[in-house]
C-alpha atoms as a PDB file:
ATOM      1  CA  UNK A   1      16.200   4.645 -23.788  1.00  0.00           C
ATOM      2  CA  UNK A   2      16.605   1.920 -26.374  1.00  0.00           C
ATOM      3  CA  UNK A   3      13.973   1.570 -29.060  1.00  0.00           C
ATOM      4  CA  UNK A   4      11.423  -1.118 -28.209  1.00  0.00           C
ATOM      5  CA  UNK A   5      12.334  -1.073 -24.521  1.00  0.00           C
ATOM      6  CA  UNK A   6       9.709  -0.425 -21.897  1.00  0.00           C
ATOM      7  CA  UNK A   7       9.619   3.034 -20.401  1.00  0.00           C
ATOM      8  CA  UNK A   8      10.698   3.166 -16.745  1.00  0.00           C
ATOM      9  CA  UNK A   9       8.602   5.077 -14.237  1.00  0.00           C
ATOM     10  CA  UNK A  10      11.415   7.589 -13.734  1.00  0.00           C
ATOM     11  CA  UNK A  11      11.707   8.202 -17.487  1.00  0.00           C
ATOM     12  CA  UNK A  12       7.946   8.523 -17.823  1.00  0.00           C
ATOM     13  CA  UNK A  13       7.808  11.091 -15.017  1.00  0.00           C
ATOM     14  CA  UNK A  14      10.629  13.144 -16.504  1.00  0.00           C
ATOM     15  CA  UNK A  15       9.107  13.067 -19.992  1.00  0.00           C
ATOM     16  CA  UNK A  16       5.513  13.563 -18.880  1.00  0.00           C
ATOM     17  CA  UNK A  17       4.521  10.221 -20.443  1.00  0.00           C
ATOM     18  CA  UNK A  18       2.758   8.550 -17.529  1.00  0.00           C
ATOM     19  CA  UNK A  19      -0.111   7.475 -19.793  1.00  0.00           C
ATOM     20  CA  UNK A  20       2.355   5.533 -21.943  1.00  0.00           C
ATOM     21  CA  UNK A  21       3.906   3.963 -18.851  1.00  0.00           C
ATOM     22  CA  UNK A  22       0.465   2.885 -17.643  1.00  0.00           C
ATOM     23  CA  UNK A  23      -0.316   1.248 -21.000  1.00  0.00           C
ATOM     24  CA  UNK A  24       3.019  -0.610 -20.963  1.00  0.00           C
ATOM     25  CA  UNK A  25       2.540  -1.806 -17.373  1.00  0.00           C
ATOM     26  CA  UNK A  26      -1.111  -2.849 -16.980  1.00  0.00           C
ATOM     27  CA  UNK A  27      -2.231  -3.932 -13.515  1.00  0.00           C
ATOM     28  CA  UNK A  28      -5.317  -5.703 -12.311  1.00  0.00           C
ATOM     29  CA  UNK A  29      -6.792  -4.211  -9.190  1.00  0.00           C
ATOM     30  CA  UNK A  30      -9.926  -3.868  -7.157  1.00  0.00           C
ATOM     31  CA  UNK A  31     -11.064  -0.265  -7.597  1.00  0.00           C
ATOM     32  CA  UNK A  32     -13.760  -0.558  -4.916  1.00  0.00           C
ATOM     33  CA  UNK A  33     -11.333  -1.957  -2.352  1.00  0.00           C
ATOM     34  CA  UNK A  34      -8.795   0.756  -3.188  1.00  0.00           C
ATOM     35  CA  UNK A  35     -11.439   3.473  -2.791  1.00  0.00           C
ATOM     36  CA  UNK A  36     -12.405   2.119   0.654  1.00  0.00           C
ATOM     37  CA  UNK A  37      -8.770   1.994   1.727  1.00  0.00           C
ATOM     38  CA  UNK A  38      -8.063   5.494   0.466  1.00  0.00           C
ATOM     39  CA  UNK A  39     -11.154   6.861   2.213  1.00  0.00           C
ATOM     40  CA  UNK A  40     -10.170   5.173   5.493  1.00  0.00           C
ATOM     41  CA  UNK A  41      -6.642   6.576   5.290  1.00  0.00           C
ATOM     42  CA  UNK A  42      -7.858  10.059   4.414  1.00  0.00           C
ATOM     43  CA  UNK A  43     -10.461  10.184   7.177  1.00  0.00           C
ATOM     44  CA  UNK A  44      -8.122   8.884   9.870  1.00  0.00           C
ATOM     45  CA  UNK A  45     -10.763   6.509  11.179  1.00  0.00           C
ATOM     46  CA  UNK A  46      -9.756   3.051  12.312  1.00  0.00           C
ATOM     47  CA  UNK A  47     -11.147   0.152  10.340  1.00  0.00           C
ATOM     48  CA  UNK A  48     -13.293  -2.375  12.182  1.00  0.00           C
ATOM     49  CA  UNK A  49     -11.156  -5.079  10.534  1.00  0.00           C
ATOM     50  CA  UNK A  50      -7.841  -3.608  11.638  1.00  0.00           C
ATOM     51  CA  UNK A  51      -6.580  -6.822  13.220  1.00  0.00           C
ATOM     52  CA  UNK A  52      -5.291  -5.032  16.317  1.00  0.00           C
ATOM     53  CA  UNK A  53      -5.767  -6.094  19.908  1.00  0.00           C
ATOM     54  CA  UNK A  54      -8.615  -4.821  21.999  1.00  0.00           C
ATOM     55  CA  UNK A  55      -7.835  -1.860  24.273  1.00  0.00           C
ATOM     56  CA  UNK A  56      -6.434  -3.036  27.595  1.00  0.00           C
ATOM     57  CA  UNK A  57      -5.562  -6.515  26.352  1.00  0.00           C
ATOM     58  CA  UNK A  58      -1.871  -5.868  26.976  1.00  0.00           C
ATOM     59  CA  UNK A  59      -2.314  -4.408  30.471  1.00  0.00           C
ATOM     60  CA  UNK A  60      -0.223  -7.158  32.103  1.00  0.00           C
ATOM     61  CA  UNK A  61       2.476  -7.110  29.437  1.00  0.00           C
ATOM     62  CA  UNK A  62       6.018  -5.942  30.229  1.00  0.00           C
ATOM     63  CA  UNK A  63       6.282  -4.420  26.767  1.00  0.00           C
ATOM     64  CA  UNK A  64       9.281  -6.544  25.827  1.00  0.00           C
ATOM     65  CA  UNK A  65       9.352  -8.703  22.739  1.00  0.00           C
ATOM     66  CA  UNK A  66      10.981 -12.059  22.163  1.00  0.00           C
ATOM     67  CA  UNK A  67      11.675 -14.000  19.005  1.00  0.00           C
ATOM     68  CA  UNK A  68       9.252 -16.682  17.971  1.00  0.00           C
ATOM     69  CA  UNK A  69      10.126 -20.166  19.115  1.00  0.00           C
ATOM     70  CA  UNK A  70      11.994 -19.073  22.246  1.00  0.00           C
END
């Protein structure tokens, strides 16, 4: 690693310097949203805002897919 260069994630993992990596690569995030997502993934429960179709809505579908605009 060159002096003054940012530490890569791989280098940080190998050297045990993840704290340094985190300081060099700050991110803005929504901690509350992340916690909800993590909890939903860990519990295995489906979200009410999943964006999936209602059960049975594809009953008359052949199951084939076609490209958009065809």
